[in-house]
């Protein structure tokens, strides 16, 4: 187990180095000059050059990159070009909203997806199975921005059951749950569809196994057969999909945060990209990449608890 953690930590460092290099170069190669954006349309050439010098943008690009890496190693992710706010402070201020949205979305996805997948497998080739498969396909296909707009129109504007947008309360409070309901459904629908399809496939494969047939022949109650013999053995691929989707949800909240006016990391990234705010974009990408790798490590560790046959020694 320890060797797995050490190996994944080394992989994380190498991955973050690669990602930081790609993002850094992409931001500098892309059209647009942050100094011109900061100076505004009335700034003279001298003013723009002064801004570039103060931000260190006049140095060779590789020198800028290694200066950035040196700061990251020391825990300094730089300061925003636009607001002069420390990147780490800005990300940590907004990250709780993104994390709350991702957690609420994956809970919605797990509850709907696992339940639909199990029932579809148990009622294979029935009307419920066909309906659930069709709905899952539609859930994967529907764009988040369209679904979010429809949910706002129906439940917030017309029925006035839930708030239109924003996230100002903790997720464990009643008000926080109301604020998270619509964005969580919007973001979790696609993940629920994928989890449902994987749960169905895994359950169909396990139900046909010899040990399940033997358990039924011994007179074990059907509920125990499904929950103990089938579900536990079918959960390995399902947990993989859940882990991957949670990682994607942490980095894929951009559109949903924009639609529901949630002040999270995704919305901050959009604003920073538009403003050519290099340090903020680089810090946000490194944060999301780190979380994605850590989530996958946790998923690997969970395997061993679910299936004792799996060992990392």
C-alpha atoms as a PDB file:
ATOM      1  CA  UNK A   1       0.000   0.000   0.000  1.00  0.00           C
ATOM      2  CA  UNK A   2       2.818   2.389   0.919  1.00  0.00           C
ATOM      3  CA  UNK A   3       4.626   1.638  -2.346  1.00  0.00           C
ATOM      4  CA  UNK A   4       1.471   2.580  -4.272  1.00  0.00           C
ATOM      5  CA  UNK A   5       1.214   5.913  -2.465  1.00  0.00           C
ATOM      6  CA  UNK A   6       4.898   6.707  -3.071  1.00  0.00           C
ATOM      7  CA  UNK A   7       4.640   5.750  -6.744  1.00  0.00           C
ATOM      8  CA  UNK A   8       1.517   7.851  -7.222  1.00  0.00           C
ATOM      9  CA  UNK A   9       3.160  10.809  -5.485  1.00  0.00           C
ATOM     10  CA  UNK A  10       6.090  10.632  -7.915  1.00  0.00           C
ATOM     11  CA  UNK A  11       3.640  10.373 -10.818  1.00  0.00           C
ATOM     12  CA  UNK A  12       1.772  13.387  -9.427  1.00  0.00           C
ATOM     13  CA  UNK A  13       4.929  15.499  -9.368  1.00  0.00           C
ATOM     14  CA  UNK A  14       5.833  14.514 -12.944  1.00  0.00           C
ATOM     15  CA  UNK A  15       2.281  15.092 -14.133  1.00  0.00           C
ATOM     16  CA  UNK A  16       2.095  18.542 -12.551  1.00  0.00           C
ATOM     17  CA  UNK A  17       5.421  19.481 -14.132  1.00  0.00           C
ATOM     18  CA  UNK A  18       4.125  18.508 -17.549  1.00  0.00           C
ATOM     19  CA  UNK A  19       0.792  20.254 -17.066  1.00  0.00           C
ATOM     20  CA  UNK A  20       2.411  23.420 -15.738  1.00  0.00           C
ATOM     21  CA  UNK A  21       4.732  23.571 -18.761  1.00  0.00           C
ATOM     22  CA  UNK A  22       1.920  23.027 -21.277  1.00  0.00           C
ATOM     23  CA  UNK A  23      -0.399  25.576 -19.647  1.00  0.00           C
ATOM     24  CA  UNK A  24       2.375  28.131 -19.208  1.00  0.00           C
ATOM     25  CA  UNK A  25       3.437  27.904 -22.852  1.00  0.00           C
ATOM     26  CA  UNK A  26      -0.151  27.862 -24.123  1.00  0.00           C
ATOM     27  CA  UNK A  27      -1.029  31.033 -22.231  1.00  0.00           C
ATOM     28  CA  UNK A  28       2.051  32.856 -23.540  1.00  0.00           C
ATOM     29  CA  UNK A  29       1.669  31.659 -27.131  1.00  0.00           C
ATOM     30  CA  UNK A  30      -2.045  32.484 -27.353  1.00  0.00           C
ATOM     31  CA  UNK A  31      -2.970  35.890 -28.849  1.00  0.00           C
ATOM     32  CA  UNK A  32      -3.373  38.795 -26.457  1.00  0.00           C
ATOM     33  CA  UNK A  33      -1.100  40.806 -24.200  1.00  0.00           C
ATOM     34  CA  UNK A  34      -1.979  41.070 -20.513  1.00  0.00           C
ATOM     35  CA  UNK A  35      -0.007  44.313 -20.250  1.00  0.00           C
ATOM     36  CA  UNK A  36      -2.201  45.911 -22.931  1.00  0.00           C
ATOM     37  CA  UNK A  37      -5.358  44.670 -21.183  1.00  0.00           C
ATOM     38  CA  UNK A  38      -4.196  46.070 -17.830  1.00  0.00           C
ATOM     39  CA  UNK A  39      -3.096  49.378 -19.370  1.00  0.00           C
ATOM     40  CA  UNK A  40      -6.332  49.836 -21.278  1.00  0.00           C
ATOM     41  CA  UNK A  41      -6.917  51.518 -24.641  1.00  0.00           C
ATOM     42  CA  UNK A  42      -5.480  54.862 -23.505  1.00  0.00           C
ATOM     43  CA  UNK A  43      -2.101  53.477 -22.362  1.00  0.00           C
ATOM     44  CA  UNK A  44       0.968  54.547 -24.308  1.00  0.00           C
ATOM     45  CA  UNK A  45       3.709  52.200 -25.522  1.00  0.00           C
ATOM     46  CA  UNK A  46       5.934  53.343 -22.682  1.00  0.00           C
ATOM     47  CA  UNK A  47       3.206  52.585 -20.155  1.00  0.00           C
ATOM     48  CA  UNK A  48       2.653  49.099 -21.600  1.00  0.00           C
ATOM     49  CA  UNK A  49       6.389  48.366 -21.582  1.00  0.00           C
ATOM     50  CA  UNK A  50       6.565  49.523 -17.971  1.00  0.00           C
ATOM     51  CA  UNK A  51       3.729  47.155 -17.051  1.00  0.00           C
ATOM     52  CA  UNK A  52       5.429  44.280 -18.880  1.00  0.00           C
ATOM     53  CA  UNK A  53       8.651  44.951 -17.006  1.00  0.00           C
ATOM     54  CA  UNK A  54       6.915  45.130 -13.624  1.00  0.00           C
ATOM     55  CA  UNK A  55       5.190  41.787 -14.306  1.00  0.00           C
ATOM     56  CA  UNK A  56       8.359  40.161 -15.606  1.00  0.00           C
ATOM     57  CA  UNK A  57       6.836  39.573 -19.039  1.00  0.00           C
ATOM     58  CA  UNK A  58       9.842  41.089 -20.795  1.00  0.00           C
ATOM     59  CA  UNK A  59      12.076  38.168 -19.747  1.00  0.00           C
ATOM     60  CA  UNK A  60      12.649  35.140 -22.043  1.00  0.00           C
ATOM     61  CA  UNK A  61       9.738  32.714 -21.747  1.00  0.00           C
ATOM     62  CA  UNK A  62      11.826  29.849 -20.308  1.00  0.00           C
ATOM     63  CA  UNK A  63      13.266  32.189 -17.670  1.00  0.00           C
ATOM     64  CA  UNK A  64       9.703  33.184 -16.736  1.00  0.00           C
ATOM     65  CA  UNK A  65       8.717  29.505 -16.487  1.00  0.00           C
ATOM     66  CA  UNK A  66      11.598  28.532 -14.219  1.00  0.00           C
ATOM     67  CA  UNK A  67      10.957  31.608 -12.050  1.00  0.00           C
ATOM     68  CA  UNK A  68       7.358  30.450 -11.742  1.00  0.00           C
ATOM     69  CA  UNK A  69       8.420  26.901 -10.805  1.00  0.00           C
ATOM     70  CA  UNK A  70      10.812  28.268  -8.195  1.00  0.00           C
ATOM     71  CA  UNK A  71       7.941  30.173  -6.601  1.00  0.00           C
ATOM     72  CA  UNK A  72       5.594  27.139  -6.708  1.00  0.00           C
ATOM     73  CA  UNK A  73       8.171  24.957  -4.930  1.00  0.00           C
ATOM     74  CA  UNK A  74       8.309  27.604  -2.188  1.00  0.00           C
ATOM     75  CA  UNK A  75       4.513  27.725  -1.993  1.00  0.00           C
ATOM     76  CA  UNK A  76       4.239  31.027  -3.857  1.00  0.00           C
ATOM     77  CA  UNK A  77       1.840  30.814  -6.810  1.00  0.00           C
ATOM     78  CA  UNK A  78       2.191  34.485  -7.627  1.00  0.00           C
ATOM     79  CA  UNK A  79      -0.284  37.333  -7.688  1.00  0.00           C
ATOM     80  CA  UNK A  80      -3.175  38.057 -10.012  1.00  0.00           C
ATOM     81  CA  UNK A  81      -2.341  40.513 -12.808  1.00  0.00           C
ATOM     82  CA  UNK A  82      -5.807  42.026 -12.506  1.00  0.00           C
ATOM     83  CA  UNK A  83      -6.672  42.185  -8.804  1.00  0.00           C
ATOM     84  CA  UNK A  84      -3.148  41.926  -7.284  1.00  0.00           C
ATOM     85  CA  UNK A  85      -4.614  39.233  -5.008  1.00  0.00           C
ATOM     86  CA  UNK A  86      -2.460  36.239  -4.081  1.00  0.00           C
ATOM     87  CA  UNK A  87      -3.401  33.331  -6.356  1.00  0.00           C
ATOM     88  CA  UNK A  88      -3.443  30.821  -3.486  1.00  0.00           C
ATOM     89  CA  UNK A  89      -5.779  33.030  -1.430  1.00  0.00           C
ATOM     90  CA  UNK A  90      -8.124  33.602  -4.390  1.00  0.00           C
ATOM     91  CA  UNK A  91      -8.352  29.889  -5.156  1.00  0.00           C
ATOM     92  CA  UNK A  92      -8.883  28.867  -1.534  1.00  0.00           C
ATOM     93  CA  UNK A  93     -11.617  31.481  -1.147  1.00  0.00           C
ATOM     94  CA  UNK A  94     -13.567  30.081  -4.089  1.00  0.00           C
ATOM     95  CA  UNK A  95     -12.658  26.398  -3.833  1.00  0.00           C
ATOM     96  CA  UNK A  96     -15.211  25.537  -1.086  1.00  0.00           C
ATOM     97  CA  UNK A  97     -18.051  26.509  -3.457  1.00  0.00           C
ATOM     98  CA  UNK A  98     -16.643  24.336  -6.242  1.00  0.00           C
ATOM     99  CA  UNK A  99     -16.067  21.431  -3.841  1.00  0.00           C
ATOM    100  CA  UNK A 100     -19.616  21.742  -2.450  1.00  0.00           C
ATOM    101  CA  UNK A 101     -21.052  21.707  -5.961  1.00  0.00           C
ATOM    102  CA  UNK A 102     -18.938  18.700  -6.991  1.00  0.00           C
ATOM    103  CA  UNK A 103     -19.879  16.717  -3.844  1.00  0.00           C
ATOM    104  CA  UNK A 104     -23.596  17.493  -4.239  1.00  0.00           C
ATOM    105  CA  UNK A 105     -23.437  16.563  -7.930  1.00  0.00           C
ATOM    106  CA  UNK A 106     -21.696  13.229  -7.348  1.00  0.00           C
ATOM    107  CA  UNK A 107     -24.201  12.362  -4.585  1.00  0.00           C
ATOM    108  CA  UNK A 108     -27.050  13.017  -7.026  1.00  0.00           C
ATOM    109  CA  UNK A 109     -25.243  10.976  -9.680  1.00  0.00           C
ATOM    110  CA  UNK A 110     -24.578   8.018  -7.334  1.00  0.00           C
ATOM    111  CA  UNK A 111     -28.116   7.865  -5.922  1.00  0.00           C
ATOM    112  CA  UNK A 112     -29.810   8.069  -9.311  1.00  0.00           C
ATOM    113  CA  UNK A 113     -27.211   6.141 -11.311  1.00  0.00           C
ATOM    114  CA  UNK A 114     -26.639   3.155  -9.015  1.00  0.00           C
ATOM    115  CA  UNK A 115     -30.349   2.728  -8.244  1.00  0.00           C
ATOM    116  CA  UNK A 116     -31.343   2.930 -11.917  1.00  0.00           C
ATOM    117  CA  UNK A 117     -28.541   0.590 -12.978  1.00  0.00           C
ATOM    118  CA  UNK A 118     -29.378  -2.080 -10.393  1.00  0.00           C
ATOM    119  CA  UNK A 119     -33.118  -2.018 -11.117  1.00  0.00           C
ATOM    120  CA  UNK A 120     -32.469  -2.101 -14.883  1.00  0.00           C
ATOM    121  CA  UNK A 121     -30.258  -5.175 -14.460  1.00  0.00           C
ATOM    122  CA  UNK A 122     -32.826  -6.947 -12.264  1.00  0.00           C
ATOM    123  CA  UNK A 123     -35.601  -6.096 -14.731  1.00  0.00           C
ATOM    124  CA  UNK A 124     -33.523  -6.873 -17.823  1.00  0.00           C
ATOM    125  CA  UNK A 125     -35.384  -6.563 -21.146  1.00  0.00           C
ATOM    126  CA  UNK A 126     -38.462  -4.994 -19.537  1.00  0.00           C
ATOM    127  CA  UNK A 127     -40.072  -1.609 -20.145  1.00  0.00           C
ATOM    128  CA  UNK A 128     -38.168  -0.152 -17.156  1.00  0.00           C
ATOM    129  CA  UNK A 129     -34.845  -1.318 -18.576  1.00  0.00           C
ATOM    130  CA  UNK A 130     -35.608   0.205 -21.981  1.00  0.00           C
ATOM    131  CA  UNK A 131     -36.808   3.470 -20.420  1.00  0.00           C
ATOM    132  CA  UNK A 132     -33.805   3.771 -18.093  1.00  0.00           C
ATOM    133  CA  UNK A 133     -31.372   3.071 -20.957  1.00  0.00           C
ATOM    134  CA  UNK A 134     -33.050   5.723 -23.115  1.00  0.00           C
ATOM    135  CA  UNK A 135     -33.049   8.283 -20.287  1.00  0.00           C
ATOM    136  CA  UNK A 136     -29.370   7.529 -19.584  1.00  0.00           C
ATOM    137  CA  UNK A 137     -28.503   8.143 -23.228  1.00  0.00           C
ATOM    138  CA  UNK A 138     -30.438  11.423 -23.126  1.00  0.00           C
ATOM    139  CA  UNK A 139     -28.687  12.416 -19.885  1.00  0.00           C
ATOM    140  CA  UNK A 140     -25.269  12.002 -21.478  1.00  0.00           C
ATOM    141  CA  UNK A 141     -26.354  13.980 -24.556  1.00  0.00           C
ATOM    142  CA  UNK A 142     -28.040  16.986 -22.922  1.00  0.00           C
ATOM    143  CA  UNK A 143     -25.711  20.030 -22.615  1.00  0.00           C
ATOM    144  CA  UNK A 144     -25.315  21.435 -19.094  1.00  0.00           C
ATOM    145  CA  UNK A 145     -26.044  25.027 -20.100  1.00  0.00           C
ATOM    146  CA  UNK A 146     -29.369  24.028 -21.712  1.00  0.00           C
ATOM    147  CA  UNK A 147     -30.488  21.802 -18.830  1.00  0.00           C
ATOM    148  CA  UNK A 148     -29.503  24.469 -16.284  1.00  0.00           C
ATOM    149  CA  UNK A 149     -31.489  27.144 -18.111  1.00  0.00           C
ATOM    150  CA  UNK A 150     -34.569  24.886 -18.290  1.00  0.00           C
ATOM    151  CA  UNK A 151     -34.362  24.017 -14.585  1.00  0.00           C
ATOM    152  CA  UNK A 152     -34.050  27.703 -13.666  1.00  0.00           C
ATOM    153  CA  UNK A 153     -37.024  28.581 -15.852  1.00  0.00           C
ATOM    154  CA  UNK A 154     -39.246  25.851 -14.410  1.00  0.00           C
ATOM    155  CA  UNK A 155     -38.302  25.570 -10.730  1.00  0.00           C
ATOM    156  CA  UNK A 156     -36.905  29.042  -9.951  1.00  0.00           C
ATOM    157  CA  UNK A 157     -38.803  31.436 -12.209  1.00  0.00           C
ATOM    158  CA  UNK A 158     -42.198  29.776 -12.756  1.00  0.00           C
ATOM    159  CA  UNK A 159     -42.696  27.648  -9.635  1.00  0.00           C
ATOM    160  CA  UNK A 160     -40.369  29.725  -7.411  1.00  0.00           C
ATOM    161  CA  UNK A 161     -39.477  26.662  -5.338  1.00  0.00           C
ATOM    162  CA  UNK A 162     -35.722  27.185  -5.452  1.00  0.00           C
ATOM    163  CA  UNK A 163     -33.338  30.154  -5.788  1.00  0.00           C
ATOM    164  CA  UNK A 164     -32.232  31.226  -9.249  1.00  0.00           C
ATOM    165  CA  UNK A 165     -28.517  31.084  -8.500  1.00  0.00           C
ATOM    166  CA  UNK A 166     -25.694  31.921  -6.151  1.00  0.00           C
ATOM    167  CA  UNK A 167     -24.177  29.922  -3.311  1.00  0.00           C
ATOM    168  CA  UNK A 168     -23.860  31.781  -0.030  1.00  0.00           C
ATOM    169  CA  UNK A 169     -24.759  29.174   2.611  1.00  0.00           C
ATOM    170  CA  UNK A 170     -22.922  26.003   3.737  1.00  0.00           C
ATOM    171  CA  UNK A 171     -24.057  22.909   1.864  1.00  0.00           C
ATOM    172  CA  UNK A 172     -25.243  21.113   5.030  1.00  0.00           C
ATOM    173  CA  UNK A 173     -27.820  23.814   5.838  1.00  0.00           C
ATOM    174  CA  UNK A 174     -31.350  23.849   4.430  1.00  0.00           C
ATOM    175  CA  UNK A 175     -30.671  27.078   2.525  1.00  0.00           C
ATOM    176  CA  UNK A 176     -27.428  25.643   1.146  1.00  0.00           C
ATOM    177  CA  UNK A 177     -29.218  22.513  -0.072  1.00  0.00           C
ATOM    178  CA  UNK A 178     -31.811  24.659  -1.810  1.00  0.00           C
ATOM    179  CA  UNK A 179     -29.086  26.700  -3.510  1.00  0.00           C
ATOM    180  CA  UNK A 180     -27.238  23.525  -4.599  1.00  0.00           C
ATOM    181  CA  UNK A 181     -30.285  21.575  -5.780  1.00  0.00           C
ATOM    182  CA  UNK A 182     -30.561  22.905  -9.334  1.00  0.00           C
ATOM    183  CA  UNK A 183     -26.820  23.173 -10.122  1.00  0.00           C
ATOM    184  CA  UNK A 184     -26.187  19.717  -8.618  1.00  0.00           C
ATOM    185  CA  UNK A 185     -28.887  18.151 -10.793  1.00  0.00           C
ATOM    186  CA  UNK A 186     -27.566  20.027 -13.825  1.00  0.00           C
ATOM    187  CA  UNK A 187     -23.977  18.905 -13.269  1.00  0.00           C
ATOM    188  CA  UNK A 188     -24.770  15.416 -11.982  1.00  0.00           C
ATOM    189  CA  UNK A 189     -27.119  14.309 -14.766  1.00  0.00           C
ATOM    190  CA  UNK A 190     -24.402  13.281 -17.197  1.00  0.00           C
ATOM    191  CA  UNK A 191     -22.467  11.442 -14.480  1.00  0.00           C
ATOM    192  CA  UNK A 192     -25.647   9.702 -13.298  1.00  0.00           C
ATOM    193  CA  UNK A 193     -26.237   8.413 -16.819  1.00  0.00           C
ATOM    194  CA  UNK A 194     -22.712   6.980 -17.082  1.00  0.00           C
ATOM    195  CA  UNK A 195     -22.895   5.422 -13.612  1.00  0.00           C
ATOM    196  CA  UNK A 196     -26.290   3.894 -14.448  1.00  0.00           C
ATOM    197  CA  UNK A 197     -24.970   2.264 -17.630  1.00  0.00           C
ATOM    198  CA  UNK A 198     -21.895   0.905 -15.853  1.00  0.00           C
ATOM    199  CA  UNK A 199     -23.948  -0.355 -12.871  1.00  0.00           C
ATOM    200  CA  UNK A 200     -26.337  -2.129 -15.219  1.00  0.00           C
ATOM    201  CA  UNK A 201     -23.537  -3.788 -17.185  1.00  0.00           C
ATOM    202  CA  UNK A 202     -21.640  -4.848 -14.048  1.00  0.00           C
ATOM    203  CA  UNK A 203     -24.765  -6.243 -12.368  1.00  0.00           C
ATOM    204  CA  UNK A 204     -25.798  -8.187 -15.481  1.00  0.00           C
ATOM    205  CA  UNK A 205     -22.365  -9.805 -15.582  1.00  0.00           C
ATOM    206  CA  UNK A 206     -22.340 -10.678 -11.870  1.00  0.00           C
ATOM    207  CA  UNK A 207     -25.922 -12.000 -11.776  1.00  0.00           C
ATOM    208  CA  UNK A 208     -24.929 -14.763 -14.204  1.00  0.00           C
ATOM    209  CA  UNK A 209     -21.940 -15.854 -12.096  1.00  0.00           C
ATOM    210  CA  UNK A 210     -21.780 -19.378 -10.627  1.00  0.00           C
ATOM    211  CA  UNK A 211     -21.483 -18.205  -7.009  1.00  0.00           C
ATOM    212  CA  UNK A 212     -24.737 -16.244  -7.344  1.00  0.00           C
ATOM    213  CA  UNK A 213     -26.500 -19.292  -8.754  1.00  0.00           C
ATOM    214  CA  UNK A 214     -25.079 -21.376  -5.883  1.00  0.00           C
ATOM    215  CA  UNK A 215     -26.266 -18.862  -3.271  1.00  0.00           C
ATOM    216  CA  UNK A 216     -29.779 -18.993  -4.663  1.00  0.00           C
ATOM    217  CA  UNK A 217     -29.673 -22.808  -4.758  1.00  0.00           C
ATOM    218  CA  UNK A 218     -28.761 -22.827  -1.053  1.00  0.00           C
ATOM    219  CA  UNK A 219     -31.902 -20.837  -0.293  1.00  0.00           C
ATOM    220  CA  UNK A 220     -30.264 -17.487   0.500  1.00  0.00           C
ATOM    221  CA  UNK A 221     -32.825 -14.679   0.503  1.00  0.00           C
ATOM    222  CA  UNK A 222     -32.974 -12.754  -2.767  1.00  0.00           C
ATOM    223  CA  UNK A 223     -32.289  -9.466  -0.970  1.00  0.00           C
ATOM    224  CA  UNK A 224     -29.078 -10.901   0.518  1.00  0.00           C
ATOM    225  CA  UNK A 225     -28.049 -12.332  -2.841  1.00  0.00           C
ATOM    226  CA  UNK A 226     -28.422  -8.929  -4.514  1.00  0.00           C
ATOM    227  CA  UNK A 227     -26.864  -6.786  -1.767  1.00  0.00           C
ATOM    228  CA  UNK A 228     -24.027  -9.076  -0.631  1.00  0.00           C
ATOM    229  CA  UNK A 229     -23.131 -11.396  -3.496  1.00  0.00           C
ATOM    230  CA  UNK A 230     -24.032  -9.247  -6.512  1.00  0.00           C
ATOM    231  CA  UNK A 231     -23.692  -5.590  -5.588  1.00  0.00           C
ATOM    232  CA  UNK A 232     -20.399  -5.823  -3.719  1.00  0.00           C
ATOM    233  CA  UNK A 233     -18.703  -7.695  -6.571  1.00  0.00           C
ATOM    234  CA  UNK A 234     -20.189  -5.377  -9.178  1.00  0.00           C
ATOM    235  CA  UNK A 235     -18.995  -2.219  -7.436  1.00  0.00           C
ATOM    236  CA  UNK A 236     -15.340  -2.294  -8.597  1.00  0.00           C
ATOM    237  CA  UNK A 237     -15.995  -0.919 -12.121  1.00  0.00           C
ATOM    238  CA  UNK A 238     -18.741   1.333 -10.752  1.00  0.00           C
ATOM    239  CA  UNK A 239     -16.375   2.895  -8.203  1.00  0.00           C
ATOM    240  CA  UNK A 240     -13.872   3.485 -11.011  1.00  0.00           C
ATOM    241  CA  UNK A 241     -16.495   5.435 -12.955  1.00  0.00           C
ATOM    242  CA  UNK A 242     -17.574   7.328  -9.818  1.00  0.00           C
ATOM    243  CA  UNK A 243     -13.977   8.322  -9.040  1.00  0.00           C
ATOM    244  CA  UNK A 244     -13.285   9.482 -12.590  1.00  0.00           C
ATOM    245  CA  UNK A 245     -16.539  11.430 -12.710  1.00  0.00           C
ATOM    246  CA  UNK A 246     -15.838  13.129  -9.390  1.00  0.00           C
ATOM    247  CA  UNK A 247     -12.457  14.207 -10.722  1.00  0.00           C
ATOM    248  CA  UNK A 248     -14.089  15.550 -13.868  1.00  0.00           C
ATOM    249  CA  UNK A 249     -16.778  17.306 -11.805  1.00  0.00           C
ATOM    250  CA  UNK A 250     -14.127  19.172  -9.798  1.00  0.00           C
ATOM    251  CA  UNK A 251     -12.671  20.534 -13.028  1.00  0.00           C
ATOM    252  CA  UNK A 252     -15.870  20.657 -15.059  1.00  0.00           C
ATOM    253  CA  UNK A 253     -17.981  23.052 -13.035  1.00  0.00           C
ATOM    254  CA  UNK A 254     -17.129  26.020 -15.272  1.00  0.00           C
ATOM    255  CA  UNK A 255     -20.334  26.121 -17.324  1.00  0.00           C
ATOM    256  CA  UNK A 256     -22.604  25.311 -14.376  1.00  0.00           C
ATOM    257  CA  UNK A 257     -20.980  27.987 -12.206  1.00  0.00           C
ATOM    258  CA  UNK A 258     -21.505  30.505 -14.995  1.00  0.00           C
ATOM    259  CA  UNK A 259     -25.171  29.554 -15.470  1.00  0.00           C
ATOM    260  CA  UNK A 260     -25.996  29.661 -11.757  1.00  0.00           C
ATOM    261  CA  UNK A 261     -23.681  32.591 -10.860  1.00  0.00           C
ATOM    262  CA  UNK A 262     -21.673  30.526  -8.356  1.00  0.00           C
ATOM    263  CA  UNK A 263     -18.431  32.157  -7.275  1.00  0.00           C
ATOM    264  CA  UNK A 264     -16.200  29.105  -7.683  1.00  0.00           C
ATOM    265  CA  UNK A 265     -12.877  28.136  -9.215  1.00  0.00           C
ATOM    266  CA  UNK A 266     -14.435  27.430 -12.611  1.00  0.00           C
ATOM    267  CA  UNK A 267     -15.945  30.874 -12.908  1.00  0.00           C
ATOM    268  CA  UNK A 268     -12.672  32.416 -11.731  1.00  0.00           C
ATOM    269  CA  UNK A 269     -10.814  30.485 -14.447  1.00  0.00           C
ATOM    270  CA  UNK A 270     -13.125  31.794 -17.174  1.00  0.00           C
ATOM    271  CA  UNK A 271     -12.644  35.381 -16.016  1.00  0.00           C
ATOM    272  CA  UNK A 272      -8.877  34.895 -15.725  1.00  0.00           C
ATOM    273  CA  UNK A 273      -8.548  33.389 -19.205  1.00  0.00           C
ATOM    274  CA  UNK A 274     -10.486  36.300 -20.697  1.00  0.00           C
ATOM    275  CA  UNK A 275      -8.242  38.774 -18.850  1.00  0.00           C
ATOM    276  CA  UNK A 276      -5.035  36.898 -19.777  1.00  0.00           C
ATOM    277  CA  UNK A 277      -4.290  36.543 -16.072  1.00  0.00           C
ATOM    278  CA  UNK A 278      -1.462  33.995 -16.372  1.00  0.00           C
ATOM    279  CA  UNK A 279      -0.761  33.264 -12.669  1.00  0.00           C
ATOM    280  CA  UNK A 280      -4.436  32.718 -11.833  1.00  0.00           C
ATOM    281  CA  UNK A 281      -5.033  30.342 -14.751  1.00  0.00           C
ATOM    282  CA  UNK A 282      -1.871  28.359 -14.004  1.00  0.00           C
ATOM    283  CA  UNK A 283      -2.721  28.076 -10.315  1.00  0.00           C
ATOM    284  CA  UNK A 284      -6.269  26.950 -11.053  1.00  0.00           C
ATOM    285  CA  UNK A 285      -5.154  24.263 -13.502  1.00  0.00           C
ATOM    286  CA  UNK A 286      -2.546  22.919 -11.050  1.00  0.00           C
ATOM    287  CA  UNK A 287      -5.168  22.773  -8.290  1.00  0.00           C
ATOM    288  CA  UNK A 288      -7.639  20.822 -10.442  1.00  0.00           C
ATOM    289  CA  UNK A 289      -4.941  18.467 -11.749  1.00  0.00           C
ATOM    290  CA  UNK A 290      -3.706  17.723  -8.213  1.00  0.00           C
ATOM    291  CA  UNK A 291      -7.216  16.955  -6.993  1.00  0.00           C
ATOM    292  CA  UNK A 292      -7.914  14.714  -9.975  1.00  0.00           C
ATOM    293  CA  UNK A 293      -4.830  12.574  -9.279  1.00  0.00           C
ATOM    294  CA  UNK A 294      -5.595  12.410  -5.544  1.00  0.00           C
ATOM    295  CA  UNK A 295      -9.170  11.282  -6.221  1.00  0.00           C
ATOM    296  CA  UNK A 296      -7.875   8.477  -8.439  1.00  0.00           C
ATOM    297  CA  UNK A 297      -5.422   7.437  -5.708  1.00  0.00           C
ATOM    298  CA  UNK A 298      -8.263   7.276  -3.175  1.00  0.00           C
ATOM    299  CA  UNK A 299     -10.293   5.142  -5.609  1.00  0.00           C
ATOM    300  CA  UNK A 300      -7.383   2.696  -5.923  1.00  0.00           C
ATOM    301  CA  UNK A 301      -7.144   2.443  -2.132  1.00  0.00           C
ATOM    302  CA  UNK A 302     -10.898   1.850  -1.818  1.00  0.00           C
ATOM    303  CA  UNK A 303     -10.605  -1.201  -4.111  1.00  0.00           C
ATOM    304  CA  UNK A 304      -8.667  -3.077  -1.432  1.00  0.00           C
ATOM    305  CA  UNK A 305     -11.381  -2.455   1.162  1.00  0.00           C
ATOM    306  CA  UNK A 306     -14.162  -3.638  -1.133  1.00  0.00           C
ATOM    307  CA  UNK A 307     -12.370  -6.683  -2.522  1.00  0.00           C
ATOM    308  CA  UNK A 308      -9.850  -8.310  -0.112  1.00  0.00           C
ATOM    309  CA  UNK A 309      -8.322 -10.210  -3.058  1.00  0.00           C
ATOM    310  CA  UNK A 310      -6.833  -6.937  -4.333  1.00  0.00           C
ATOM    311  CA  UNK A 311      -3.416  -6.215  -2.861  1.00  0.00           C
ATOM    312  CA  UNK A 312      -0.828  -3.556  -3.686  1.00  0.00           C
ATOM    313  CA  UNK A 313       2.042  -5.186  -1.831  1.00  0.00           C
END
